[in-house]
N, C-alpha and C. Protein backbone atom coordinates (compact mmCIF):
# COMPACT_ATOMS: atom_id res chain seq x y z
N MET A 1 -7.09 1.45 -2.58
CA MET A 1 -7.22 0.38 -1.60
C MET A 1 -8.51 -0.45 -1.84
N SER A 2 -9.59 0.26 -2.10
CA SER A 2 -10.87 -0.41 -2.26
C SER A 2 -10.78 -1.35 -3.50
N ALA A 3 -9.90 -1.10 -4.41
CA ALA A 3 -9.80 -1.92 -5.67
C ALA A 3 -8.92 -3.14 -5.39
N GLY A 4 -8.26 -3.18 -4.19
CA GLY A 4 -7.45 -4.31 -3.82
C GLY A 4 -6.05 -4.29 -4.45
N LEU A 5 -5.63 -3.13 -4.67
CA LEU A 5 -4.27 -2.94 -5.29
C LEU A 5 -3.25 -2.67 -4.20
N PRO A 6 -2.00 -3.11 -4.42
CA PRO A 6 -0.96 -2.78 -3.51
C PRO A 6 -0.55 -1.30 -3.80
N ILE A 7 0.07 -0.71 -2.69
CA ILE A 7 0.31 0.72 -2.71
C ILE A 7 1.93 0.96 -2.46
N ALA A 8 2.39 1.93 -3.26
CA ALA A 8 3.72 2.45 -2.94
C ALA A 8 3.50 3.94 -2.78
N THR A 9 3.95 4.41 -1.62
CA THR A 9 3.66 5.81 -1.13
C THR A 9 4.64 6.39 -0.20
N THR A 10 4.49 7.56 0.17
CA THR A 10 5.32 8.12 1.22
C THR A 10 4.55 7.96 2.57
N GLN A 11 5.25 7.99 3.67
CA GLN A 11 4.67 7.75 4.94
C GLN A 11 4.33 9.19 5.54
N THR A 12 3.32 9.82 4.89
CA THR A 12 2.84 11.09 5.32
C THR A 12 1.40 11.18 5.49
N ARG A 13 1.01 12.08 6.29
CA ARG A 13 -0.40 12.34 6.65
C ARG A 13 -1.24 11.02 6.79
N GLY A 14 -2.39 10.88 6.15
CA GLY A 14 -3.28 9.68 6.29
C GLY A 14 -2.69 8.36 6.04
N ALA A 15 -1.63 8.37 5.12
CA ALA A 15 -1.11 7.08 4.75
C ALA A 15 -0.41 6.43 6.00
N ALA A 16 0.25 7.21 6.83
CA ALA A 16 0.84 6.53 7.95
C ALA A 16 -0.19 6.08 8.98
N ASP A 17 -1.43 6.57 8.93
CA ASP A 17 -2.47 6.20 9.92
C ASP A 17 -3.13 4.91 9.45
N TYR A 18 -3.12 4.64 8.16
CA TYR A 18 -3.98 3.52 7.73
C TYR A 18 -3.12 2.38 7.13
N LEU A 19 -1.94 2.58 6.81
CA LEU A 19 -1.16 1.58 6.06
C LEU A 19 0.04 1.07 6.91
N GLU A 20 0.38 -0.15 6.77
CA GLU A 20 1.58 -0.75 7.44
C GLU A 20 2.43 -1.22 6.29
N GLU A 21 3.75 -0.90 6.59
CA GLU A 21 4.73 -1.37 5.63
C GLU A 21 4.80 -2.84 5.47
N GLY A 22 4.76 -3.27 4.17
CA GLY A 22 4.82 -4.69 3.93
C GLY A 22 3.48 -5.43 4.00
N ILE A 23 2.47 -4.80 4.62
CA ILE A 23 1.16 -5.48 4.72
C ILE A 23 0.23 -4.69 3.60
N ASN A 24 0.16 -3.42 3.72
CA ASN A 24 -0.74 -2.71 2.66
C ASN A 24 0.13 -1.95 1.64
N ALA A 25 1.33 -1.59 2.06
CA ALA A 25 2.09 -0.67 1.16
C ALA A 25 3.59 -0.86 1.43
N LEU A 26 4.23 -0.26 0.49
CA LEU A 26 5.65 -0.12 0.47
C LEU A 26 5.86 1.40 0.67
N PHE A 27 6.57 1.84 1.63
CA PHE A 27 6.90 3.19 1.88
C PHE A 27 8.20 3.67 1.32
N VAL A 28 8.24 4.83 0.65
CA VAL A 28 9.40 5.47 0.29
C VAL A 28 9.55 6.81 0.79
N GLU A 29 10.70 7.37 0.79
CA GLU A 29 10.94 8.73 1.27
C GLU A 29 10.34 9.70 0.24
N PRO A 30 9.86 10.82 0.74
CA PRO A 30 9.36 11.91 -0.30
C PRO A 30 10.45 12.25 -1.30
N ARG A 31 10.07 12.44 -2.45
CA ARG A 31 11.00 12.89 -3.54
C ARG A 31 12.09 11.89 -3.86
N ASP A 32 11.90 10.65 -3.35
CA ASP A 32 13.00 9.63 -3.67
C ASP A 32 12.60 8.82 -4.88
N VAL A 33 12.94 9.26 -6.04
CA VAL A 33 12.63 8.69 -7.36
C VAL A 33 13.17 7.18 -7.41
N VAL A 34 14.43 7.07 -6.99
CA VAL A 34 15.00 5.75 -7.01
C VAL A 34 14.30 4.72 -6.03
N GLY A 35 13.95 5.27 -4.90
CA GLY A 35 13.23 4.44 -3.91
C GLY A 35 11.87 3.97 -4.43
N LEU A 36 11.19 4.98 -5.09
CA LEU A 36 9.88 4.69 -5.63
C LEU A 36 9.96 3.60 -6.84
N SER A 37 11.09 3.78 -7.67
CA SER A 37 11.27 2.78 -8.72
C SER A 37 11.51 1.42 -8.10
N ALA A 38 12.26 1.35 -7.03
CA ALA A 38 12.55 0.05 -6.41
C ALA A 38 11.35 -0.55 -5.82
N ALA A 39 10.51 0.30 -5.22
CA ALA A 39 9.18 -0.22 -4.64
C ALA A 39 8.30 -0.79 -5.67
N LEU A 40 8.08 0.01 -6.77
CA LEU A 40 7.31 -0.49 -7.88
C LEU A 40 7.79 -1.79 -8.54
N LYS A 41 9.09 -1.82 -8.67
CA LYS A 41 9.77 -3.06 -9.21
C LYS A 41 9.51 -4.25 -8.27
N ARG A 42 9.59 -4.03 -7.02
CA ARG A 42 9.24 -5.12 -5.97
C ARG A 42 7.86 -5.61 -6.15
N LEU A 43 6.92 -4.65 -6.37
CA LEU A 43 5.51 -4.99 -6.54
C LEU A 43 5.33 -5.82 -7.81
N LEU A 44 5.92 -5.31 -8.87
CA LEU A 44 5.71 -6.03 -10.16
C LEU A 44 6.43 -7.48 -10.16
N GLU A 45 7.57 -7.52 -9.52
CA GLU A 45 8.22 -8.85 -9.48
C GLU A 45 7.64 -9.86 -8.50
N ASP A 46 6.94 -9.41 -7.62
CA ASP A 46 6.27 -10.30 -6.63
C ASP A 46 4.70 -10.20 -6.71
N GLN A 47 4.21 -10.45 -7.87
CA GLN A 47 2.81 -10.20 -8.14
C GLN A 47 1.96 -11.05 -7.20
N PRO A 48 2.31 -12.34 -6.90
CA PRO A 48 1.37 -13.12 -6.00
C PRO A 48 1.16 -12.35 -4.65
N ARG A 49 2.26 -11.93 -4.11
CA ARG A 49 2.20 -11.22 -2.77
C ARG A 49 1.40 -9.88 -3.07
N SER A 50 1.79 -9.17 -4.11
CA SER A 50 1.15 -7.81 -4.36
C SER A 50 -0.40 -8.02 -4.52
N GLU A 51 -0.74 -8.94 -5.37
CA GLU A 51 -2.19 -9.10 -5.67
C GLU A 51 -2.96 -9.78 -4.61
N SER A 52 -2.41 -10.85 -3.95
CA SER A 52 -3.29 -11.58 -2.93
C SER A 52 -3.04 -10.95 -1.61
N THR A 53 -1.84 -11.02 -1.10
CA THR A 53 -1.71 -10.56 0.30
C THR A 53 -1.97 -9.04 0.54
N MET A 54 -1.26 -8.20 -0.22
CA MET A 54 -1.54 -6.77 -0.10
C MET A 54 -2.88 -6.30 -0.61
N GLY A 55 -3.33 -6.95 -1.63
CA GLY A 55 -4.56 -6.60 -2.21
C GLY A 55 -5.77 -6.94 -1.25
N ARG A 56 -5.70 -8.17 -0.65
CA ARG A 56 -6.71 -8.47 0.39
C ARG A 56 -6.66 -7.55 1.53
N ALA A 57 -5.43 -7.25 2.00
CA ALA A 57 -5.29 -6.38 3.18
C ALA A 57 -5.88 -5.01 2.93
N ASN A 58 -5.62 -4.58 1.63
CA ASN A 58 -6.14 -3.26 1.25
C ASN A 58 -7.68 -3.21 1.19
N ARG A 59 -8.28 -4.27 0.62
CA ARG A 59 -9.67 -4.30 0.52
C ARG A 59 -10.29 -4.28 2.02
N GLN A 60 -9.75 -5.14 2.84
CA GLN A 60 -10.24 -5.19 4.22
C GLN A 60 -10.06 -3.82 4.99
N GLU A 61 -8.91 -3.22 4.80
CA GLU A 61 -8.76 -1.87 5.49
C GLU A 61 -9.78 -0.86 4.92
N SER A 62 -9.96 -0.93 3.58
CA SER A 62 -10.88 0.04 2.99
C SER A 62 -12.32 -0.11 3.47
N GLN A 63 -12.74 -1.38 3.65
CA GLN A 63 -14.02 -1.65 4.18
C GLN A 63 -14.13 -1.27 5.70
N ARG A 64 -13.02 -1.46 6.49
CA ARG A 64 -13.02 -1.04 7.88
C ARG A 64 -13.17 0.49 7.93
N ILE A 65 -12.46 1.15 7.11
CA ILE A 65 -12.36 2.67 7.08
C ILE A 65 -13.87 3.17 6.76
N ARG A 66 -14.46 2.53 5.70
CA ARG A 66 -15.84 2.94 5.29
C ARG A 66 -16.84 2.64 6.40
N SER A 67 -16.78 1.49 7.12
CA SER A 67 -17.70 1.14 8.12
C SER A 67 -17.65 2.05 9.36
N ARG A 68 -16.41 2.72 9.56
CA ARG A 68 -16.32 3.62 10.66
C ARG A 68 -16.65 4.98 10.18
N GLY A 69 -16.99 5.30 8.91
CA GLY A 69 -17.45 6.54 8.42
C GLY A 69 -16.29 7.47 8.33
N LEU A 70 -15.06 7.02 8.06
CA LEU A 70 -13.91 7.90 7.94
C LEU A 70 -13.74 8.31 6.54
């Protein structure tokens, strides 16, 4: 997040607390290899969104988390 990269992950534990679908991350079901492939493909095919929108949101969220000492 602090590097400003988009995220593809499962919606478990801390990820669900700090990430929003389509804003910071693309969520896939645990052990869903096809779903993970599709999410990564979406990120690669839509680089402007991935790099600017999601990247900016992740940098901001990372700073917010650090400022709260979490």
